[in-house]
N, C-alpha and C. Protein backbone atom coordinates (compact mmCIF):
# COMPACT_ATOMS: atom_id res chain seq x y z
N LYS A 1 -76.59 -136.17 -64.49
CA LYS A 1 -76.50 -134.75 -64.20
C LYS A 1 -76.45 -134.52 -62.69
N THR A 2 -77.23 -135.24 -61.94
CA THR A 2 -77.26 -135.08 -60.48
C THR A 2 -75.92 -135.50 -59.89
N ALA A 3 -75.32 -136.55 -60.43
CA ALA A 3 -74.03 -137.01 -59.92
C ALA A 3 -72.95 -135.95 -60.13
N LYS A 4 -73.02 -135.25 -61.27
CA LYS A 4 -72.06 -134.19 -61.55
C LYS A 4 -72.21 -133.05 -60.54
N LEU A 5 -73.46 -132.68 -60.24
CA LEU A 5 -73.71 -131.62 -59.27
C LEU A 5 -73.23 -132.01 -57.87
N VAL A 6 -73.42 -133.29 -57.52
CA VAL A 6 -72.98 -133.78 -56.22
C VAL A 6 -71.45 -133.74 -56.14
N GLN A 7 -70.77 -134.02 -57.25
CA GLN A 7 -69.31 -133.98 -57.28
C GLN A 7 -68.78 -132.54 -57.14
N GLU A 8 -69.55 -131.56 -57.61
CA GLU A 8 -69.12 -130.17 -57.53
C GLU A 8 -69.27 -129.58 -56.12
N ILE A 9 -70.07 -130.23 -55.28
CA ILE A 9 -70.27 -129.73 -53.91
C ILE A 9 -68.96 -129.67 -53.14
N PRO A 10 -68.14 -130.74 -53.12
CA PRO A 10 -66.86 -130.63 -52.38
C PRO A 10 -65.91 -129.58 -52.97
N LEU A 11 -65.93 -129.42 -54.30
CA LEU A 11 -65.09 -128.40 -54.92
C LEU A 11 -65.51 -127.00 -54.49
N ALA A 12 -66.82 -126.78 -54.48
CA ALA A 12 -67.34 -125.48 -54.05
C ALA A 12 -67.03 -125.25 -52.58
N SER A 13 -67.12 -126.30 -51.79
CA SER A 13 -66.80 -126.20 -50.36
C SER A 13 -65.32 -125.85 -50.16
N ASP A 14 -64.44 -126.46 -50.95
CA ASP A 14 -63.01 -126.14 -50.87
C ASP A 14 -62.75 -124.68 -51.26
N GLU A 15 -63.44 -124.21 -52.29
CA GLU A 15 -63.29 -122.82 -52.70
C GLU A 15 -63.75 -121.87 -51.60
N GLN A 16 -64.85 -122.22 -50.95
CA GLN A 16 -65.34 -121.38 -49.85
C GLN A 16 -64.34 -121.38 -48.69
N ASN A 17 -63.77 -122.54 -48.38
CA ASN A 17 -62.76 -122.61 -47.32
C ASN A 17 -61.54 -121.75 -47.67
N SER A 18 -61.12 -121.82 -48.92
CA SER A 18 -59.97 -121.03 -49.36
C SER A 18 -60.28 -119.53 -49.26
N ALA A 19 -61.47 -119.14 -49.69
CA ALA A 19 -61.87 -117.73 -49.60
C ALA A 19 -61.96 -117.28 -48.15
N ALA A 20 -62.48 -118.15 -47.27
CA ALA A 20 -62.58 -117.81 -45.85
C ALA A 20 -61.19 -117.65 -45.25
N ASP A 21 -60.24 -118.49 -45.67
CA ASP A 21 -58.86 -118.34 -45.20
C ASP A 21 -58.24 -117.02 -45.66
N GLN A 22 -58.52 -116.65 -46.90
CA GLN A 22 -58.01 -115.37 -47.42
C GLN A 22 -58.61 -114.19 -46.64
N ILE A 23 -59.89 -114.27 -46.35
CA ILE A 23 -60.54 -113.21 -45.57
C ILE A 23 -59.94 -113.15 -44.17
N ASN A 24 -59.72 -114.31 -43.57
CA ASN A 24 -59.12 -114.37 -42.24
C ASN A 24 -57.72 -113.74 -42.24
N ASN A 25 -56.91 -114.07 -43.25
CA ASN A 25 -55.57 -113.48 -43.36
C ASN A 25 -55.64 -111.96 -43.56
N ALA A 26 -56.57 -111.52 -44.38
CA ALA A 26 -56.72 -110.08 -44.62
C ALA A 26 -57.13 -109.36 -43.34
N LEU A 27 -58.04 -109.95 -42.57
CA LEU A 27 -58.45 -109.34 -41.30
C LEU A 27 -57.30 -109.32 -40.30
N PHE A 28 -56.47 -110.36 -40.30
CA PHE A 28 -55.31 -110.40 -39.42
C PHE A 28 -54.34 -109.26 -39.77
N GLU A 29 -54.08 -109.08 -41.06
CA GLU A 29 -53.21 -107.98 -41.51
C GLU A 29 -53.82 -106.63 -41.17
N LEU A 30 -55.12 -106.49 -41.36
CA LEU A 30 -55.81 -105.24 -41.03
C LEU A 30 -55.68 -104.94 -39.54
N ASN A 31 -55.80 -105.96 -38.71
CA ASN A 31 -55.63 -105.79 -37.27
C ASN A 31 -54.22 -105.33 -36.94
N ASN A 32 -53.21 -105.92 -37.59
CA ASN A 32 -51.82 -105.51 -37.36
C ASN A 32 -51.60 -104.05 -37.75
N VAL A 33 -52.12 -103.66 -38.90
CA VAL A 33 -51.96 -102.28 -39.36
C VAL A 33 -52.67 -101.32 -38.41
N THR A 34 -53.85 -101.70 -37.95
CA THR A 34 -54.59 -100.85 -37.01
C THR A 34 -53.81 -100.66 -35.72
N GLN A 35 -53.21 -101.73 -35.21
CA GLN A 35 -52.42 -101.62 -33.98
C GLN A 35 -51.18 -100.76 -34.20
N GLN A 36 -50.54 -100.90 -35.34
CA GLN A 36 -49.37 -100.07 -35.64
C GLN A 36 -49.77 -98.60 -35.74
N ASN A 37 -50.91 -98.33 -36.40
CA ASN A 37 -51.38 -96.95 -36.51
C ASN A 37 -51.69 -96.36 -35.15
N ALA A 38 -52.30 -97.16 -34.28
CA ALA A 38 -52.62 -96.67 -32.93
C ALA A 38 -51.35 -96.34 -32.16
N ALA A 39 -50.34 -97.21 -32.28
CA ALA A 39 -49.07 -96.96 -31.59
C ALA A 39 -48.39 -95.72 -32.16
N ASN A 40 -48.38 -95.59 -33.49
CA ASN A 40 -47.77 -94.42 -34.12
C ASN A 40 -48.52 -93.14 -33.75
N SER A 41 -49.83 -93.22 -33.69
CA SER A 41 -50.63 -92.06 -33.33
C SER A 41 -50.33 -91.62 -31.90
N GLU A 42 -50.21 -92.58 -31.00
CA GLU A 42 -49.88 -92.27 -29.60
C GLU A 42 -48.49 -91.64 -29.51
N GLU A 43 -47.55 -92.16 -30.27
CA GLU A 43 -46.19 -91.62 -30.27
C GLU A 43 -46.17 -90.20 -30.83
N MET A 44 -46.95 -89.96 -31.90
CA MET A 44 -47.02 -88.62 -32.47
C MET A 44 -47.65 -87.64 -31.50
N ALA A 45 -48.67 -88.06 -30.77
CA ALA A 45 -49.30 -87.18 -29.79
C ALA A 45 -48.31 -86.83 -28.69
N SER A 46 -47.53 -87.80 -28.26
CA SER A 46 -46.51 -87.56 -27.24
C SER A 46 -45.44 -86.61 -27.77
N SER A 47 -45.00 -86.82 -29.00
CA SER A 47 -44.01 -85.94 -29.61
C SER A 47 -44.55 -84.53 -29.77
N SER A 48 -45.81 -84.43 -30.16
CA SER A 48 -46.44 -83.12 -30.31
C SER A 48 -46.49 -82.38 -28.99
N GLU A 49 -46.82 -83.09 -27.94
CA GLU A 49 -46.87 -82.47 -26.61
C GLU A 49 -45.48 -82.02 -26.18
N GLU A 50 -44.48 -82.85 -26.44
CA GLU A 50 -43.10 -82.50 -26.08
C GLU A 50 -42.63 -81.28 -26.87
N LEU A 51 -42.94 -81.26 -28.18
CA LEU A 51 -42.55 -80.12 -29.00
C LEU A 51 -43.25 -78.85 -28.55
N SER A 52 -44.49 -78.97 -28.15
CA SER A 52 -45.22 -77.82 -27.64
C SER A 52 -44.56 -77.27 -26.38
N ALA A 53 -44.15 -78.16 -25.49
CA ALA A 53 -43.47 -77.73 -24.26
C ALA A 53 -42.12 -77.08 -24.60
N GLN A 54 -41.40 -77.66 -25.55
CA GLN A 54 -40.12 -77.08 -25.94
C GLN A 54 -40.31 -75.72 -26.61
N ALA A 55 -41.39 -75.57 -27.38
CA ALA A 55 -41.68 -74.28 -28.01
C ALA A 55 -41.95 -73.22 -26.94
N GLU A 56 -42.66 -73.59 -25.90
CA GLU A 56 -42.92 -72.65 -24.80
C GLU A 56 -41.61 -72.28 -24.11
N GLN A 57 -40.72 -73.25 -23.90
CA GLN A 57 -39.42 -72.96 -23.28
C GLN A 57 -38.61 -72.03 -24.17
N LEU A 58 -38.62 -72.28 -25.47
CA LEU A 58 -37.90 -71.44 -26.40
C LEU A 58 -38.47 -70.03 -26.40
N LYS A 59 -39.78 -69.94 -26.34
CA LYS A 59 -40.44 -68.64 -26.29
C LYS A 59 -40.00 -67.88 -25.04
N ASP A 60 -39.90 -68.58 -23.91
CA ASP A 60 -39.44 -67.94 -22.68
C ASP A 60 -37.97 -67.53 -22.79
N LEU A 61 -37.15 -68.37 -23.43
CA LEU A 61 -35.73 -68.05 -23.55
C LEU A 61 -35.47 -66.82 -24.41
N ILE A 62 -36.25 -66.65 -25.46
CA ILE A 62 -36.01 -65.51 -26.35
C ILE A 62 -36.82 -64.29 -25.95
N SER A 63 -37.49 -64.35 -24.82
CA SER A 63 -38.34 -63.23 -24.42
C SER A 63 -37.55 -61.97 -24.08
N PHE A 64 -36.24 -62.09 -23.94
CA PHE A 64 -35.46 -60.89 -23.64
C PHE A 64 -35.24 -60.02 -24.87
N PHE A 65 -35.56 -60.53 -26.06
CA PHE A 65 -35.49 -59.70 -27.25
C PHE A 65 -36.63 -58.70 -27.24
N ARG A 66 -36.44 -57.60 -27.86
CA ARG A 66 -37.47 -56.59 -27.94
C ARG A 66 -38.37 -56.91 -29.13
N PHE A 67 -39.65 -56.96 -28.92
CA PHE A 67 -40.60 -57.26 -29.99
C PHE A 67 -41.09 -55.98 -30.63
N ALA A 68 -41.64 -56.08 -31.83
CA ALA A 68 -42.12 -54.91 -32.56
C ALA A 68 -43.18 -54.16 -31.77
N LYS A 69 -44.02 -54.85 -31.03
CA LYS A 69 -45.07 -54.20 -30.25
C LYS A 69 -44.49 -53.41 -29.08
N MET A 70 -43.29 -53.77 -28.61
CA MET A 70 -42.71 -53.19 -27.41
C MET A 70 -41.55 -52.24 -27.72
N GLN A 71 -41.48 -51.67 -28.89
CA GLN A 71 -40.35 -50.84 -29.25
C GLN A 71 -40.19 -49.64 -28.32
N ASN A 72 -41.28 -49.09 -27.84
CA ASN A 72 -41.20 -47.89 -27.01
C ASN A 72 -41.06 -48.20 -25.54
N GLN A 73 -41.04 -49.46 -25.15
CA GLN A 73 -40.92 -49.82 -23.75
C GLN A 73 -39.46 -50.14 -23.43
N LYS A 74 -39.07 -49.88 -22.20
CA LYS A 74 -37.71 -50.18 -21.76
C LYS A 74 -37.64 -51.64 -21.35
N THR A 75 -36.62 -52.32 -21.79
CA THR A 75 -36.44 -53.73 -21.46
C THR A 75 -35.37 -53.86 -20.39
N GLU A 76 -35.65 -54.60 -19.35
CA GLU A 76 -34.70 -54.82 -18.26
C GLU A 76 -33.98 -56.14 -18.47
N PHE A 77 -32.69 -56.12 -18.31
CA PHE A 77 -31.89 -57.33 -18.45
C PHE A 77 -31.24 -57.72 -17.13
N SER A 78 -31.83 -57.31 -16.02
CA SER A 78 -31.20 -57.56 -14.73
C SER A 78 -31.02 -59.05 -14.44
N ASP A 79 -31.89 -59.87 -14.97
CA ASP A 79 -31.77 -61.31 -14.74
C ASP A 79 -30.53 -61.90 -15.42
N PHE A 80 -30.03 -61.20 -16.43
CA PHE A 80 -28.94 -61.74 -17.21
C PHE A 80 -27.59 -61.13 -16.84
N LYS A 81 -27.58 -60.17 -15.93
CA LYS A 81 -26.33 -59.53 -15.54
C LYS A 81 -25.49 -60.50 -14.72
N GLN A 82 -24.21 -60.42 -14.91
CA GLN A 82 -23.30 -61.27 -14.16
C GLN A 82 -22.33 -60.37 -13.38
N ASN A 83 -21.86 -60.85 -12.26
CA ASN A 83 -20.87 -60.11 -11.49
C ASN A 83 -19.49 -60.38 -12.08
N VAL A 84 -19.01 -59.43 -12.84
CA VAL A 84 -17.69 -59.55 -13.45
C VAL A 84 -16.91 -58.27 -13.16
N SER A 85 -15.62 -58.38 -13.21
CA SER A 85 -14.80 -57.20 -12.98
C SER A 85 -14.92 -56.26 -14.18
N PRO A 86 -14.90 -54.95 -13.92
CA PRO A 86 -15.04 -54.00 -15.03
C PRO A 86 -13.87 -54.13 -16.01
N GLN A 87 -14.17 -54.00 -17.25
CA GLN A 87 -13.15 -54.07 -18.28
C GLN A 87 -13.21 -52.79 -19.10
N VAL A 88 -12.14 -52.54 -19.79
CA VAL A 88 -12.11 -51.37 -20.66
C VAL A 88 -13.02 -51.65 -21.84
N LYS A 89 -13.95 -50.71 -22.04
CA LYS A 89 -14.90 -50.90 -23.13
C LYS A 89 -14.31 -50.39 -24.43
N LYS A 90 -14.51 -51.16 -25.46
CA LYS A 90 -14.08 -50.76 -26.78
C LYS A 90 -15.20 -49.96 -27.42
N PRO A 91 -14.89 -49.05 -28.31
CA PRO A 91 -15.96 -48.30 -28.98
C PRO A 91 -16.86 -49.26 -29.75
N ILE A 92 -18.14 -49.01 -29.63
CA ILE A 92 -19.12 -49.88 -30.29
C ILE A 92 -19.69 -49.14 -31.49
N ASN A 93 -19.77 -49.83 -32.57
CA ASN A 93 -20.36 -49.26 -33.77
C ASN A 93 -21.84 -49.01 -33.51
N LYS A 94 -22.36 -47.86 -33.95
CA LYS A 94 -23.76 -47.52 -33.68
C LYS A 94 -24.72 -48.54 -34.31
N ALA A 95 -24.32 -49.16 -35.36
CA ALA A 95 -25.18 -50.15 -36.00
C ALA A 95 -25.39 -51.36 -35.08
N GLN A 96 -24.43 -51.62 -34.21
CA GLN A 96 -24.54 -52.75 -33.30
C GLN A 96 -25.45 -52.45 -32.11
N LYS A 97 -25.74 -51.18 -31.84
CA LYS A 97 -26.56 -50.82 -30.69
C LYS A 97 -28.04 -51.08 -30.92
N LYS A 98 -28.45 -51.23 -32.16
CA LYS A 98 -29.87 -51.43 -32.44
C LYS A 98 -30.32 -52.79 -31.92
N PRO A 99 -31.47 -52.83 -31.27
CA PRO A 99 -31.97 -54.12 -30.76
C PRO A 99 -32.53 -54.97 -31.89
N ILE A 100 -32.60 -56.23 -31.64
CA ILE A 100 -33.23 -57.14 -32.58
C ILE A 100 -34.74 -57.00 -32.43
N ILE A 101 -35.43 -56.78 -33.52
CA ILE A 101 -36.88 -56.60 -33.47
C ILE A 101 -37.55 -57.79 -34.13
N LEU A 102 -38.35 -58.49 -33.37
CA LEU A 102 -39.09 -59.64 -33.88
C LEU A 102 -40.56 -59.32 -33.90
N ASP A 103 -41.22 -59.59 -35.00
CA ASP A 103 -42.66 -59.38 -35.07
C ASP A 103 -43.35 -60.67 -34.67
N MET A 104 -43.81 -60.74 -33.43
CA MET A 104 -44.44 -61.95 -32.88
C MET A 104 -45.95 -61.74 -32.75
N SER A 105 -46.52 -60.98 -33.67
CA SER A 105 -47.96 -60.71 -33.58
C SER A 105 -48.74 -61.99 -33.82
N ASP A 106 -49.93 -62.01 -33.31
CA ASP A 106 -50.79 -63.19 -33.43
C ASP A 106 -51.64 -63.13 -34.69
N ASN A 107 -51.13 -62.52 -35.74
CA ASN A 107 -51.89 -62.40 -36.98
C ASN A 107 -51.79 -63.64 -37.85
N SER A 108 -50.96 -64.59 -37.47
CA SER A 108 -50.80 -65.79 -38.29
C SER A 108 -52.03 -66.68 -38.18
N ASP A 109 -52.32 -67.36 -39.28
CA ASP A 109 -53.49 -68.24 -39.33
C ASP A 109 -53.07 -69.65 -38.96
N ASP A 110 -53.37 -70.07 -37.74
CA ASP A 110 -53.05 -71.42 -37.28
C ASP A 110 -54.29 -72.29 -37.24
N SER A 111 -55.32 -71.93 -37.99
CA SER A 111 -56.57 -72.69 -37.92
C SER A 111 -56.41 -74.11 -38.45
N GLY A 112 -55.38 -74.38 -39.23
CA GLY A 112 -55.16 -75.72 -39.75
C GLY A 112 -54.50 -76.66 -38.75
N PHE A 113 -54.12 -76.13 -37.60
CA PHE A 113 -53.45 -76.94 -36.59
C PHE A 113 -54.38 -77.19 -35.43
N GLU A 114 -54.20 -78.33 -34.80
CA GLU A 114 -55.02 -78.71 -33.65
C GLU A 114 -54.11 -78.93 -32.47
N LYS A 115 -54.42 -78.31 -31.33
CA LYS A 115 -53.61 -78.47 -30.13
C LYS A 115 -54.10 -79.67 -29.35
N TYR A 116 -53.18 -80.52 -28.93
CA TYR A 116 -53.53 -81.74 -28.21
C TYR A 116 -53.34 -81.53 -26.74
């Protein structure tokens, strides 16, 4: 009986070595995934920052539209005037004279978003 137990010691040792190798491989894969996630996270943060900057630029570009809050205020377009020779004006349909009204109120719930 003792001889049988002594013979099982190398087998158990081999099983432990195999299990240790599997754990080592799993940790190596986990390390790779963690590094990929860190790189992806950094790239997403950079993209988020760039999109935020572009959103601010877009907001500035469309600021010449009249917003719902500013309907009673006069909007100046002097920055957009160009020096061109006068042309004969065609009659404009009254429906075309109405300004574009955008409701840009801060009533939206952005609590689910985090600014970086």
